[in-house]
């Protein structure tokens, strides 16, 4: 029988996930926070750009 081969490179995916993500706007480490408005709408904000 044919051996099943994974279509994704697991090693490359693990390496990419472990790398620190940099913000495209300010260049700092990406920090994302969930903010809730008074009306109850949820929004993801970049806390790295606000300081």
N, C-alpha and C. Protein backbone atom coordinates (compact mmCIF):
# COMPACT_ATOMS: atom_id res chain seq x y z
N UNK A 1 0.83 -1.19 0.00
CA UNK A 1 0.00 0.00 0.00
C UNK A 1 0.88 1.25 0.00
N UNK A 2 0.34 2.29 -0.54
CA UNK A 2 1.07 3.56 -0.61
C UNK A 2 1.12 4.20 0.77
N UNK A 3 2.26 4.79 1.06
CA UNK A 3 2.42 5.47 2.35
C UNK A 3 1.75 6.84 2.28
N UNK A 4 1.00 7.19 3.33
CA UNK A 4 0.33 8.48 3.35
C UNK A 4 1.34 9.56 3.71
N UNK A 5 1.38 10.61 2.93
CA UNK A 5 2.32 11.69 3.16
C UNK A 5 1.56 12.97 3.48
N UNK A 6 2.02 13.68 4.49
CA UNK A 6 1.38 14.93 4.87
C UNK A 6 1.62 15.99 3.79
N UNK A 7 0.58 16.76 3.47
CA UNK A 7 0.71 17.80 2.46
C UNK A 7 1.33 19.07 3.04
N UNK A 8 1.30 19.23 4.35
CA UNK A 8 1.87 20.43 4.97
C UNK A 8 3.20 20.11 5.63
N UNK A 9 4.09 21.07 5.61
CA UNK A 9 5.38 20.92 6.24
C UNK A 9 5.22 21.31 7.72
N UNK A 10 5.10 20.32 8.58
CA UNK A 10 4.83 20.54 9.99
C UNK A 10 5.96 21.33 10.65
N UNK A 11 7.18 21.05 10.31
CA UNK A 11 8.33 21.76 10.88
C UNK A 11 8.31 23.24 10.54
N UNK A 12 7.99 23.55 9.30
CA UNK A 12 7.94 24.96 8.87
C UNK A 12 6.80 25.69 9.55
N UNK A 13 5.68 25.03 9.75
CA UNK A 13 4.55 25.67 10.42
C UNK A 13 4.87 25.96 11.88
N UNK A 14 5.55 25.03 12.55
CA UNK A 14 5.93 25.23 13.95
C UNK A 14 6.93 26.37 14.08
N UNK A 15 7.86 26.46 13.14
CA UNK A 15 8.85 27.54 13.17
C UNK A 15 8.19 28.90 12.95
N UNK A 16 7.26 28.98 12.01
CA UNK A 16 6.57 30.24 11.73
C UNK A 16 5.72 30.68 12.92
N UNK A 17 5.15 29.73 13.61
CA UNK A 17 4.30 30.05 14.76
C UNK A 17 5.14 30.53 15.94
N UNK A 18 6.36 30.04 16.07
CA UNK A 18 7.20 30.40 17.21
C UNK A 18 7.89 31.76 17.01
N UNK A 19 7.96 32.23 15.75
CA UNK A 19 8.57 33.53 15.47
C UNK A 19 7.72 34.66 16.05
N UNK A 20 8.37 35.71 16.51
CA UNK A 20 7.64 36.86 17.05
C UNK A 20 7.05 37.65 15.89
N UNK A 21 5.77 37.96 16.01
CA UNK A 21 5.12 38.76 14.97
C UNK A 21 5.36 40.23 15.24
N UNK A 22 5.70 40.96 14.20
CA UNK A 22 5.94 42.40 14.30
C UNK A 22 4.78 43.15 13.66
N UNK A 23 4.41 44.27 14.25
CA UNK A 23 3.33 45.09 13.74
C UNK A 23 3.77 45.78 12.46
N UNK A 24 2.91 45.79 11.46
CA UNK A 24 3.25 46.43 10.18
C UNK A 24 3.16 47.95 10.28
N UNK A 25 2.52 48.47 11.31
CA UNK A 25 2.35 49.91 11.47
C UNK A 25 3.50 50.52 12.27
N UNK A 26 3.75 49.98 13.47
CA UNK A 26 4.76 50.58 14.34
C UNK A 26 6.05 49.77 14.45
N UNK A 27 6.03 48.49 14.07
CA UNK A 27 7.24 47.66 14.11
C UNK A 27 7.49 46.98 15.44
N UNK A 28 6.65 47.22 16.44
CA UNK A 28 6.80 46.58 17.74
C UNK A 28 6.13 45.21 17.73
N UNK A 29 6.29 44.47 18.82
CA UNK A 29 5.64 43.17 18.96
C UNK A 29 4.12 43.39 18.97
N UNK A 30 3.39 42.56 18.24
CA UNK A 30 1.94 42.71 18.11
C UNK A 30 1.27 42.34 19.43
N UNK A 31 0.49 43.29 19.95
CA UNK A 31 -0.32 43.04 21.14
C UNK A 31 -1.76 43.39 20.77
N UNK A 32 -2.62 42.38 20.75
CA UNK A 32 -4.01 42.60 20.37
C UNK A 32 -4.88 42.38 21.60
N UNK A 33 -5.79 43.34 21.85
CA UNK A 33 -6.71 43.23 22.98
C UNK A 33 -8.14 43.34 22.47
N UNK A 34 -9.04 42.69 23.17
CA UNK A 34 -10.46 42.74 22.82
C UNK A 34 -11.08 43.86 23.63
N UNK A 35 -11.67 44.84 22.94
CA UNK A 35 -12.34 45.93 23.63
C UNK A 35 -13.83 45.86 23.34
N UNK A 36 -14.63 46.23 24.33
CA UNK A 36 -16.08 46.21 24.19
C UNK A 36 -16.58 47.63 24.35
N UNK A 37 -17.33 48.10 23.37
CA UNK A 37 -17.86 49.46 23.41
C UNK A 37 -19.07 49.50 24.34
N UNK A 38 -19.50 50.70 24.73
CA UNK A 38 -20.68 50.82 25.62
C UNK A 38 -21.95 50.21 25.01
N UNK A 39 -22.01 50.13 23.68
CA UNK A 39 -23.19 49.54 23.04
C UNK A 39 -23.10 48.01 22.99
N UNK A 40 -21.96 47.46 23.39
CA UNK A 40 -21.80 46.01 23.44
C UNK A 40 -21.08 45.41 22.25
N UNK A 41 -20.61 46.24 21.32
CA UNK A 41 -19.90 45.75 20.15
C UNK A 41 -18.46 45.40 20.52
N UNK A 42 -18.03 44.21 20.14
CA UNK A 42 -16.67 43.76 20.44
C UNK A 42 -15.75 44.12 19.28
N UNK A 43 -14.53 44.52 19.61
CA UNK A 43 -13.56 44.90 18.59
C UNK A 43 -12.16 44.52 19.02
N UNK A 44 -11.36 44.00 18.10
CA UNK A 44 -9.95 43.70 18.39
C UNK A 44 -9.14 44.95 18.08
N UNK A 45 -8.34 45.38 19.05
CA UNK A 45 -7.51 46.57 18.90
C UNK A 45 -6.06 46.21 19.04
N UNK A 46 -5.19 46.93 18.37
CA UNK A 46 -3.75 46.75 18.52
C UNK A 46 -3.29 47.68 19.63
N UNK A 47 -2.88 47.10 20.75
CA UNK A 47 -2.41 47.91 21.88
C UNK A 47 -1.00 48.39 21.66
N UNK A 48 -0.27 47.79 20.74
CA UNK A 48 1.13 48.18 20.50
C UNK A 48 1.22 49.56 19.84
N UNK A 49 0.25 49.96 19.07
CA UNK A 49 0.30 51.23 18.34
C UNK A 49 -0.25 52.40 19.15
N UNK A 50 -0.91 52.14 20.24
CA UNK A 50 -1.58 53.20 20.98
C UNK A 50 -0.71 53.89 22.00
N UNK A 51 0.46 53.33 22.30
CA UNK A 51 1.30 53.94 23.31
C UNK A 51 2.29 54.92 22.74
